[in-house]
Amino acid sequence: MLVRVLYHDHCFDGSASAAFFSQFYADRIQTDANFAYTGMAHTADQYFADDLFDGDENAIVDFKYSPHERLTWWFDHHQSAFLSPADAEHFRAERKGNYFFDPTFRSCTKYIATIAKDKFGYENPFLADLVKWADIIDGAQYASAQEAVELAAPAMKLTLLIEAAKGSDIIHRIIGWMRTKKLEEIIEMPEIQELFRPLYERHLRSIDLIRQQSVTEGGVIFFDLIQKGIDGYNKFIPYYLFPDNVYTVSVSEQTFRTKVSVGSSPWAGDQVKHNLATICERYGGGGHSKVGAISFPTGAIEQARKAAREIVAELQS
């Protein structure tokens, strides 16, 4: 029996969600199930092709809802979980599958663990540390910007690798290891260390680059990474460098999209007045109330920059 799991790619919470769901399914639903994984990325023209749902069971975790008739499991915690009002209505009306949505959860992994316990009577003490770290990482529950940027914990090191890895093959292997190995065991594996070391060096270089590129005004940090050779960065670096600011807006370019990232400092408290998912939704993006993003087509640099300038102005006001 094949279970296809679609998960939020290049995301610690997405990977942990896939791992926890797989172990729950194997332990409680079907002991001889085989799992195959597909990483999903937010794009400007998001859609779910029919061939994504090729399993006997098909699950989406930590990613947007699909009304596809072959979808049997869905878990998400993002405010912007539905591609259209019709999808939201389908979710509310459809009852043939196990579909779960609660945007009050900081992480999807914690949400899946909660549903598994409350609805299915399933608990897995071995995976408690994975659930804990997914909640810390996706909910930005760090004691300080230093903790978030200096990457002392194994989970933080794995986050760097998962977010920066080329392709999804290594992430699929990490998902499998997360089911049966501790995070500190995974990060010390020779093949993981071989990938981690150059990524960590790039992480240190990105700190210097963001310091050079940033403009701060009115509580907002803005920087543009187009053509700077970096397609992703630790989102807490801006607050590590400029701790007195509340918001960050950045523009970057990836192989499949041009991206505007919008975030708020987890240490700003009640200074965070704006719902960032709502702002991003106006441009076709979304996310959570305190962090969001917008995906534009590849090459739509000026369109992305225009949106970023407008958002900076709004946050400054």
Protein backbone atom coordinates (compact mmCIF):
# COMPACT_ATOMS: atom_id res chain seq x y z
CA MET A 1 0.00 0.00 0.00
CA LEU A 2 1.42 3.38 -1.04
CA VAL A 3 0.84 6.55 0.96
CA ARG A 4 1.82 9.69 -0.94
CA VAL A 5 2.68 12.58 1.37
CA LEU A 6 2.81 16.10 -0.07
CA TYR A 7 4.60 18.41 2.36
CA HIS A 8 5.93 21.99 2.51
CA ASP A 9 9.38 21.56 0.98
CA HIS A 10 12.57 23.12 2.36
CA CYS A 11 10.87 23.77 5.71
CA PHE A 12 11.70 22.12 9.04
CA ASP A 13 8.05 22.06 10.10
CA GLY A 14 7.03 20.63 6.72
CA SER A 15 9.62 17.85 7.00
CA ALA A 16 8.76 17.13 10.63
CA SER A 17 5.05 17.09 9.76
CA ALA A 18 5.69 14.50 7.05
CA ALA A 19 7.77 12.40 9.46
CA PHE A 20 5.25 12.51 12.31
CA PHE A 21 2.29 11.81 10.02
CA SER A 22 4.12 8.85 8.43
CA GLN A 23 4.99 7.29 11.79
CA PHE A 24 1.45 7.85 13.08
CA TYR A 25 -0.02 6.26 9.96
CA ALA A 26 2.33 3.26 10.13
CA ASP A 27 1.72 2.72 13.84
CA ARG A 28 -2.02 3.34 13.98
CA ILE A 29 -3.58 3.00 10.50
CA GLN A 30 -1.61 0.56 8.31
CA THR A 31 1.51 -1.18 9.56
CA ASP A 32 2.73 -2.33 6.12
CA ALA A 33 2.31 1.05 4.40
CA ASN A 34 5.04 2.38 2.13
CA PHE A 35 5.59 6.14 1.96
CA ALA A 36 6.59 8.40 -0.92
CA TYR A 37 7.16 12.12 -0.52
CA THR A 38 6.62 15.13 -2.75
CA GLY A 39 7.93 18.54 -1.70
CA MET A 40 5.58 21.42 -2.51
CA ALA A 41 6.65 25.03 -3.02
CA HIS A 42 4.50 28.14 -3.18
CA THR A 43 4.45 29.51 -6.71
CA ALA A 44 2.72 32.37 -8.49
CA ASP A 45 0.42 29.97 -10.38
CA GLN A 46 -0.18 27.40 -7.64
CA TYR A 47 -2.12 24.30 -8.64
CA PHE A 48 -2.26 20.59 -7.84
CA ALA A 49 -1.73 18.34 -10.85
CA ASP A 50 -3.64 15.07 -10.97
CA ASP A 51 -0.48 12.98 -11.02
CA LEU A 52 0.52 14.27 -7.56
CA PHE A 53 -2.17 12.06 -6.04
CA ASP A 54 -0.87 8.64 -7.12
CA GLY A 55 -1.08 6.84 -3.77
CA ASP A 56 -3.65 4.48 -2.35
CA GLU A 57 -3.87 7.19 0.30
CA ASN A 58 -2.83 10.79 -0.38
CA ALA A 59 -1.96 13.32 2.30
CA ILE A 60 -1.04 17.00 2.34
CA VAL A 61 0.72 18.32 5.44
CA ASP A 62 1.73 21.91 6.21
CA PHE A 63 0.55 23.10 2.80
CA LYS A 64 -2.49 24.49 1.05
CA TYR A 65 -5.75 22.59 0.64
CA SER A 66 -6.71 20.75 -2.54
CA PRO A 67 -10.26 19.67 -3.42
CA HIS A 68 -8.87 16.74 -5.43
CA GLU A 69 -11.08 13.67 -5.12
CA ARG A 70 -8.11 11.44 -4.23
CA LEU A 71 -6.98 13.54 -1.26
CA THR A 72 -7.70 11.58 1.94
CA TRP A 73 -5.70 13.43 4.64
CA TRP A 74 -4.98 17.15 5.08
CA PHE A 75 -3.40 19.08 7.94
CA ASP A 76 -2.56 22.79 7.85
CA HIS A 77 -2.17 25.74 10.19
CA HIS A 78 -1.63 28.69 7.83
CA GLN A 79 -4.11 31.54 7.71
CA SER A 80 -3.79 31.46 3.91
CA ALA A 81 -4.62 27.76 3.55
CA PHE A 82 -7.06 28.00 0.64
CA LEU A 83 -6.28 28.96 -2.94
CA SER A 84 -9.85 30.20 -3.52
CA PRO A 85 -13.17 30.72 -1.71
CA ALA A 86 -14.41 27.64 -3.59
CA ASP A 87 -11.65 25.53 -1.99
CA ALA A 88 -12.60 26.84 1.45
CA GLU A 89 -16.23 25.94 0.82
CA HIS A 90 -15.21 22.48 -0.39
CA PHE A 91 -13.23 21.94 2.84
CA ARG A 92 -16.22 22.96 4.96
CA ALA A 93 -18.59 20.68 3.02
CA GLU A 94 -16.36 17.67 2.31
CA ARG A 95 -16.42 14.90 4.91
CA LYS A 96 -15.09 11.79 3.15
CA GLY A 97 -11.51 12.43 4.19
CA ASN A 98 -9.63 13.31 7.35
CA TYR A 99 -9.19 17.05 6.86
CA PHE A 100 -7.95 19.22 9.72
CA PHE A 101 -7.28 22.98 9.83
CA ASP A 102 -6.45 25.26 12.75
CA PRO A 103 -4.47 28.48 12.20
CA THR A 104 -4.05 28.99 15.96
CA PHE A 105 -1.28 26.36 16.07
CA ARG A 106 2.27 27.63 15.73
CA SER A 107 3.44 24.50 13.92
CA CYS A 108 1.73 21.88 11.79
CA THR A 109 3.75 19.13 13.47
CA LYS A 110 2.30 20.04 16.87
CA TYR A 111 -1.16 20.18 15.28
CA ILE A 112 -0.82 16.69 13.77
CA ALA A 113 0.44 15.34 17.10
CA THR A 114 -2.54 16.91 18.87
CA ILE A 115 -5.09 15.48 16.39
CA ALA A 116 -3.37 12.07 16.54
CA LYS A 117 -3.73 12.04 20.32
CA ASP A 118 -7.20 13.57 20.66
CA LYS A 119 -8.93 11.85 17.73
CA PHE A 120 -6.97 8.61 17.32
CA GLY A 121 -5.55 8.00 20.80
CA TYR A 122 -1.98 7.99 19.44
CA GLU A 123 1.09 9.26 21.29
CA ASN A 124 4.75 8.76 20.43
CA PRO A 125 7.17 9.81 23.20
CA PHE A 126 10.17 9.19 20.94
CA LEU A 127 8.98 11.97 18.60
CA ALA A 128 8.31 14.46 21.41
CA ASP A 129 11.61 16.27 20.81
CA LEU A 130 10.85 16.58 17.08
CA VAL A 131 7.43 18.06 17.90
CA LYS A 132 8.98 20.44 20.42
CA TRP A 133 11.57 21.78 17.99
CA ALA A 134 9.10 22.12 15.11
CA ASP A 135 6.97 24.28 17.39
CA ILE A 136 9.96 26.38 18.44
CA ILE A 137 11.24 26.83 14.89
CA ASP A 138 7.97 27.46 13.04
CA GLY A 139 6.59 29.58 15.87
CA ALA A 140 9.86 31.53 16.29
CA GLN A 141 9.85 30.72 20.00
CA TYR A 142 13.54 31.52 20.50
CA ALA A 143 14.94 33.12 23.62
CA SER A 144 16.91 35.58 21.50
CA ALA A 145 18.02 36.44 17.98
CA GLN A 146 21.42 35.05 18.91
CA GLU A 147 19.90 31.62 19.56
CA ALA A 148 18.08 31.74 16.22
CA VAL A 149 21.13 32.82 14.19
CA GLU A 150 24.09 31.14 15.88
CA LEU A 151 22.64 27.63 15.28
CA ALA A 152 23.91 25.84 18.37
CA ALA A 153 21.11 23.26 18.59
CA PRO A 154 21.02 20.23 16.25
CA ALA A 155 17.51 21.17 15.13
CA MET A 156 18.73 24.60 14.07
CA LYS A 157 21.58 23.09 12.08
CA LEU A 158 19.14 20.75 10.35
CA THR A 159 16.87 23.70 9.60
CA LEU A 160 19.71 25.41 7.75
CA LEU A 161 20.33 22.29 5.68
CA ILE A 162 16.65 21.63 4.94
CA GLU A 163 16.02 25.23 3.88
CA ALA A 164 19.13 25.49 1.69
CA ALA A 165 19.42 21.98 0.22
CA LYS A 166 19.43 21.67 -3.56
CA GLY A 167 16.57 19.44 -4.60
CA SER A 168 14.46 17.27 -2.31
CA ASP A 169 16.23 13.89 -2.23
CA ILE A 170 18.21 14.61 0.93
CA ILE A 171 15.09 16.04 2.59
CA HIS A 172 13.20 12.82 1.86
CA ARG A 173 15.98 10.86 3.55
CA ILE A 174 15.90 13.24 6.53
CA ILE A 175 12.14 12.74 6.82
CA GLY A 176 12.73 8.99 7.00
CA TRP A 177 15.46 9.40 9.62
CA MET A 178 13.32 11.76 11.71
CA ARG A 179 10.91 8.88 12.30
CA THR A 180 13.50 6.71 14.06
CA LYS A 181 16.57 8.81 14.93
CA LYS A 182 17.18 11.68 17.31
CA LEU A 183 17.99 15.05 15.75
CA GLU A 184 21.49 15.02 17.25
CA GLU A 185 22.14 11.64 15.56
CA ILE A 186 20.98 12.92 12.17
CA ILE A 187 23.12 16.07 12.16
CA GLU A 188 26.26 14.05 13.04
CA MET A 189 25.84 11.61 10.13
CA PRO A 190 28.84 12.00 7.78
CA GLU A 191 26.73 12.72 4.67
CA ILE A 192 24.80 15.38 6.57
CA GLN A 193 27.98 17.00 7.90
CA GLU A 194 29.41 17.07 4.38
CA LEU A 195 26.38 19.07 3.21
CA PHE A 196 26.09 21.20 6.34
CA ARG A 197 29.61 22.64 6.49
CA PRO A 198 29.54 24.65 3.22
CA LEU A 199 25.98 25.77 3.95
CA TYR A 200 27.09 27.08 7.32
CA GLU A 201 29.90 29.04 5.65
CA ARG A 202 27.32 30.52 3.27
CA HIS A 203 25.13 31.36 6.26
CA LEU A 204 27.98 33.37 7.78
CA ARG A 205 28.51 35.20 4.46
CA SER A 206 24.78 35.99 4.25
CA ILE A 207 25.00 37.79 7.59
CA ASP A 208 27.61 40.14 6.15
CA LEU A 209 25.66 40.62 2.92
CA ILE A 210 22.40 41.47 4.70
CA ARG A 211 24.29 43.92 6.91
CA GLN A 212 25.63 45.64 3.78
CA GLN A 213 22.36 45.66 1.82
CA SER A 214 19.94 46.70 4.56
CA VAL A 215 18.22 50.05 4.89
CA THR A 216 16.40 50.68 8.17
CA GLU A 217 13.75 53.36 8.60
CA GLY A 218 10.55 53.67 10.59
CA GLY A 219 11.04 50.33 12.32
CA VAL A 220 11.36 48.45 9.01
CA ILE A 221 14.44 46.65 7.65
CA PHE A 222 14.54 46.39 3.87
CA PHE A 223 17.07 44.64 1.64
CA ASP A 224 17.21 43.41 -1.93
CA LEU A 225 19.11 40.20 -2.69
CA ILE A 226 18.41 40.07 -6.43
CA GLN A 227 21.60 39.06 -8.27
CA LYS A 228 23.49 38.71 -4.97
CA GLY A 229 23.89 34.93 -5.25
CA ILE A 230 21.70 34.10 -2.27
CA ASP A 231 18.21 32.67 -2.77
CA GLY A 232 17.41 32.19 0.92
CA TYR A 233 18.55 33.29 4.35
CA ASN A 234 17.89 32.78 8.04
CA LYS A 235 14.93 35.09 8.62
CA PHE A 236 16.18 36.16 12.05
CA ILE A 237 19.45 37.65 10.77
CA PRO A 238 17.86 41.13 10.30
CA TYR A 239 16.83 41.29 13.97
CA TYR A 240 20.21 39.93 15.03
CA LEU A 241 21.85 42.81 13.16
CA PHE A 242 19.26 45.53 13.79
CA PRO A 243 17.48 44.58 17.04
CA ASP A 244 15.56 47.84 17.46
CA ASN A 245 13.40 47.22 14.37
CA VAL A 246 10.01 45.53 14.17
CA TYR A 247 9.56 44.38 10.56
CA THR A 248 11.61 42.99 7.68
CA VAL A 249 10.81 43.16 3.96
CA SER A 250 13.14 41.56 1.42
CA VAL A 251 13.23 40.68 -2.26
CA SER A 252 15.02 37.58 -3.52
CA GLU A 253 15.15 35.41 -6.61
CA GLN A 254 14.88 31.62 -6.84
CA THR A 255 14.90 29.31 -9.83
CA PHE A 256 11.11 28.99 -9.81
CA ARG A 257 9.94 32.38 -8.51
CA THR A 258 10.76 35.91 -7.48
CA LYS A 259 9.91 36.27 -3.80
CA VAL A 260 8.96 39.04 -1.41
CA SER A 261 9.39 37.99 2.23
CA VAL A 262 7.67 39.92 5.01
CA GLY A 263 8.36 39.24 8.67
CA SER A 264 8.16 40.65 12.16
CA SER A 265 10.53 40.35 15.09
CA PRO A 266 9.48 37.69 17.61
CA TRP A 267 10.94 39.95 20.29
CA ALA A 268 8.96 43.08 19.31
CA GLY A 269 5.94 42.19 21.46
CA ASP A 270 2.95 44.48 21.06
CA GLN A 271 4.85 46.68 18.59
CA VAL A 272 3.67 44.25 15.88
CA LYS A 273 0.43 45.91 14.75
CA HIS A 274 -0.05 44.48 11.24
CA ASN A 275 -1.35 41.10 10.10
CA LEU A 276 1.33 40.20 7.56
CA ALA A 277 -0.60 37.32 5.99
CA THR A 278 -3.47 39.69 5.22
CA ILE A 279 -1.07 42.18 3.62
CA CYS A 280 0.55 39.44 1.51
CA GLU A 281 -2.84 38.05 0.46
CA ARG A 282 -3.56 41.33 -1.36
CA TYR A 283 -0.66 40.49 -3.69
CA GLY A 284 -1.58 36.81 -4.09
CA GLY A 285 0.60 35.56 -1.23
CA GLY A 286 -0.13 34.65 2.36
CA GLY A 287 1.27 33.02 5.47
CA HIS A 288 0.75 33.69 9.17
CA SER A 289 -0.18 36.88 10.99
CA LYS A 290 3.46 37.54 11.91
CA VAL A 291 5.24 36.23 8.81
CA GLY A 292 4.24 36.00 5.17
CA ALA A 293 5.50 35.88 1.61
CA ILE A 294 4.48 36.57 -1.97
CA SER A 295 5.55 34.51 -4.98
CA PHE A 296 5.87 36.28 -8.32
CA PRO A 297 6.80 34.61 -11.62
CA THR A 298 10.45 34.11 -12.42
CA GLY A 299 11.87 37.35 -13.77
CA ALA A 300 9.08 39.56 -12.37
CA ILE A 301 11.69 41.57 -10.50
CA GLU A 302 10.21 45.03 -10.89
CA GLN A 303 6.75 43.78 -9.96
CA ALA A 304 8.17 42.24 -6.79
CA ARG A 305 10.18 45.35 -5.97
CA LYS A 306 7.12 47.55 -6.42
CA ALA A 307 5.11 45.37 -4.03
CA ALA A 308 7.98 45.41 -1.52
CA ARG A 309 8.19 49.21 -1.62
CA GLU A 310 4.44 49.50 -1.03
CA ILE A 311 4.57 47.09 1.89
CA VAL A 312 7.55 48.91 3.43
CA ALA A 313 5.61 52.18 3.25
CA GLU A 314 2.54 50.58 4.83
CA LEU A 315 4.55 49.04 7.68
CA GLN A 316 6.40 52.30 8.31
CA SER A 317 3.09 54.11 8.68
